[in-house]
N, C-alpha and C. Protein backbone atom coordinates (compact mmCIF):
# COMPACT_ATOMS: atom_id res chain seq x y z
N MET A 1 0.97 -1.34 -0.02
CA MET A 1 -0.31 0.05 -0.03
C MET A 1 0.73 1.34 0.11
N LYS A 2 0.60 2.24 -0.83
CA LYS A 2 1.40 3.33 -1.27
C LYS A 2 1.15 4.15 0.26
N ASN A 3 2.18 5.06 0.53
CA ASN A 3 1.72 6.00 1.58
C ASN A 3 1.89 7.55 0.78
N ASN A 4 0.81 8.07 1.16
CA ASN A 4 0.59 8.93 0.41
C ASN A 4 0.52 10.41 1.31
N LEU A 5 1.25 10.38 2.55
CA LEU A 5 1.06 11.28 3.69
C LEU A 5 1.72 12.44 3.24
N TYR A 6 1.25 13.88 3.28
CA TYR A 6 1.90 14.90 2.72
C TYR A 6 3.06 15.36 3.80
N LYS A 7 4.10 15.64 3.42
CA LYS A 7 5.33 16.63 4.12
C LYS A 7 5.07 17.88 3.89
N PHE A 8 4.39 18.19 5.37
CA PHE A 8 4.35 19.73 5.36
C PHE A 8 5.76 20.42 5.89
N THR A 9 5.89 21.74 5.36
CA THR A 9 6.98 22.33 5.73
C THR A 9 6.82 23.32 7.32
N ASN A 10 7.83 23.31 7.87
CA ASN A 10 7.29 24.03 9.30
C ASN A 10 6.33 25.17 9.09
N GLU A 11 6.73 26.33 8.04
CA GLU A 11 5.54 27.30 7.43
C GLU A 11 4.41 26.86 7.34
N GLU A 12 4.29 25.81 6.91
CA GLU A 12 3.10 25.19 6.91
C GLU A 12 2.48 24.88 7.80
N LEU A 13 3.31 23.97 8.77
CA LEU A 13 2.46 23.52 9.80
C LEU A 13 1.84 24.55 10.99
N LYS A 14 2.95 26.03 10.75
CA LYS A 14 2.43 26.89 11.42
C LYS A 14 0.93 27.16 11.32
N HIS A 15 0.85 27.39 9.97
CA HIS A 15 -0.52 28.07 8.97
C HIS A 15 -1.65 27.34 9.52
N ILE A 16 -1.21 25.75 9.46
CA ILE A 16 -2.47 24.71 9.64
C ILE A 16 -2.78 25.04 11.27
N ASN A 17 -1.82 25.19 12.36
CA ASN A 17 -2.00 25.25 13.26
C ASN A 17 -2.74 26.87 14.02
N ASP A 18 -2.28 27.83 13.50
CA ASP A 18 -2.98 28.88 13.20
C ASP A 18 -4.48 28.60 13.16
N LEU A 19 -4.77 28.06 11.78
CA LEU A 19 -6.01 27.64 11.28
C LEU A 19 -6.79 26.73 12.36
N SER A 20 -6.23 25.81 12.83
CA SER A 20 -7.00 24.88 13.60
C SER A 20 -7.44 25.69 14.98
N CYS A 21 -6.47 26.64 15.61
CA CYS A 21 -7.04 27.40 16.52
C CYS A 21 -7.88 28.30 16.34
N GLU A 22 -8.28 29.02 15.34
CA GLU A 22 -9.45 29.46 14.76
C GLU A 22 -10.27 28.97 14.43
N ILE A 23 -10.18 27.71 14.10
CA ILE A 23 -11.64 26.73 13.90
C ILE A 23 -12.12 26.16 15.24
N LYS A 24 -11.16 25.79 16.27
CA LYS A 24 -11.80 25.49 17.40
C LYS A 24 -12.45 26.69 18.02
N ASN A 25 -12.07 27.90 18.06
CA ASN A 25 -12.67 29.13 18.66
C ASN A 25 -13.99 29.41 17.88
N ALA A 26 -13.97 29.12 16.63
CA ALA A 26 -15.27 29.39 15.70
C ALA A 26 -16.17 28.04 16.42
N MET A 27 -15.89 27.09 16.49
CA MET A 27 -16.75 26.06 16.95
C MET A 27 -17.46 26.18 18.26
N ASN A 28 -16.49 26.61 19.04
CA ASN A 28 -16.72 26.92 20.53
C ASN A 28 -17.52 27.90 20.74
N ASN A 29 -17.69 28.98 19.59
CA ASN A 29 -18.99 30.11 19.84
C ASN A 29 -19.76 29.71 18.72
N SER A 30 -19.77 28.23 18.13
CA SER A 30 -20.71 27.96 17.38
C SER A 30 -21.32 28.85 16.06
N ASP A 31 -20.16 29.29 15.58
CA ASP A 31 -20.00 30.48 14.57
C ASP A 31 -19.61 29.97 13.24
N LYS A 32 -20.91 29.39 12.44
CA LYS A 32 -20.63 28.42 11.40
C LYS A 32 -20.33 29.46 10.27
N GLY A 33 -20.59 30.73 10.12
CA GLY A 33 -20.44 31.65 9.13
C GLY A 33 -18.68 31.89 9.15
N GLN A 34 -18.29 32.16 10.36
CA GLN A 34 -17.00 31.62 10.63
C GLN A 34 -15.90 30.89 10.21
N ILE A 35 -16.56 29.74 10.50
CA ILE A 35 -15.98 28.29 10.31
C ILE A 35 -15.89 28.20 8.40
N VAL A 36 -17.12 28.59 7.77
CA VAL A 36 -16.74 28.50 6.25
C VAL A 36 -16.08 29.61 5.99
N LYS A 37 -15.81 30.45 6.39
CA LYS A 37 -14.43 31.70 6.11
C LYS A 37 -13.22 30.95 5.90
N ILE A 38 -12.81 30.65 6.96
CA ILE A 38 -11.67 30.04 7.19
C ILE A 38 -11.52 28.68 6.37
N LEU A 39 -12.53 27.97 6.26
CA LEU A 39 -12.65 26.88 5.03
C LEU A 39 -11.91 27.15 4.01
N THR A 40 -12.51 27.85 3.58
CA THR A 40 -12.51 29.04 1.96
C THR A 40 -10.83 29.48 1.93
N ARG A 41 -10.41 29.84 3.18
CA ARG A 41 -8.58 30.02 2.90
C ARG A 41 -7.73 29.20 2.92
N ILE A 42 -8.26 27.73 3.21
CA ILE A 42 -7.13 26.48 2.85
C ILE A 42 -7.16 26.21 1.79
N GLN A 43 -5.88 26.44 1.20
CA GLN A 43 -5.30 26.23 -0.22
C GLN A 43 -4.72 24.76 -0.46
N ILE A 44 -5.89 23.90 0.05
CA ILE A 44 -4.99 22.69 0.03
C ILE A 44 -6.47 21.68 -0.68
N ASP A 45 -6.10 20.71 -1.69
CA ASP A 45 -6.83 20.13 -2.77
C ASP A 45 -8.19 19.73 -1.85
N ASP A 46 -9.02 19.68 -2.89
CA ASP A 46 -10.64 19.42 -2.38
C ASP A 46 -10.67 18.23 -1.21
N ASP A 47 -9.70 17.22 -1.99
CA ASP A 47 -10.34 15.68 -1.13
C ASP A 47 -9.72 15.83 0.34
N LYS A 48 -9.00 16.82 0.34
CA LYS A 48 -8.46 17.01 2.01
C LYS A 48 -9.21 18.11 2.86
N ILE A 49 -9.95 19.04 1.86
CA ILE A 49 -10.97 20.00 2.29
C ILE A 49 -12.02 19.38 2.99
N GLN A 50 -12.42 18.10 2.03
CA GLN A 50 -13.72 17.64 2.12
C GLN A 50 -13.62 16.37 3.47
N LYS A 51 -12.29 16.15 3.71
CA LYS A 51 -12.09 15.48 4.96
C LYS A 51 -12.29 16.45 6.21
N VAL A 52 -11.68 17.49 6.30
CA VAL A 52 -11.81 18.84 7.14
C VAL A 52 -13.74 18.76 7.46
N LEU A 53 -14.11 18.94 6.45
CA LEU A 53 -15.57 18.87 6.72
C LEU A 53 -16.34 18.20 7.39
N LEU A 54 -15.82 17.04 6.96
CA LEU A 54 -16.61 15.49 7.35
C LEU A 54 -16.29 15.49 8.81
N LYS A 55 -15.22 15.69 9.19
CA LYS A 55 -14.60 15.68 10.60
C LYS A 55 -15.41 16.95 11.67
N ILE A 56 -15.70 17.92 10.94
CA ILE A 56 -16.14 19.03 11.43
C ILE A 56 -17.83 18.62 11.62
N ASP A 57 -18.45 18.09 10.62
CA ASP A 57 -20.09 17.96 10.84
C ASP A 57 -19.98 16.56 11.68
N ALA A 58 -18.89 15.55 12.27
CA ALA A 58 -19.32 14.59 13.01
C ALA A 58 -19.12 15.14 14.43
């Protein structure tokens, strides 16, 4: 089985960490509009965005 894990740079990891903090805050405040705005800023392919959306919906 092929390993398709993406290797993030330190800069990308910082960006992801910042986004995850923003998403957590928006979720704690039940601010769906803010969550949508944050997700539209994520510049990763559709497949990964779908996985993020599915986790948030769960």
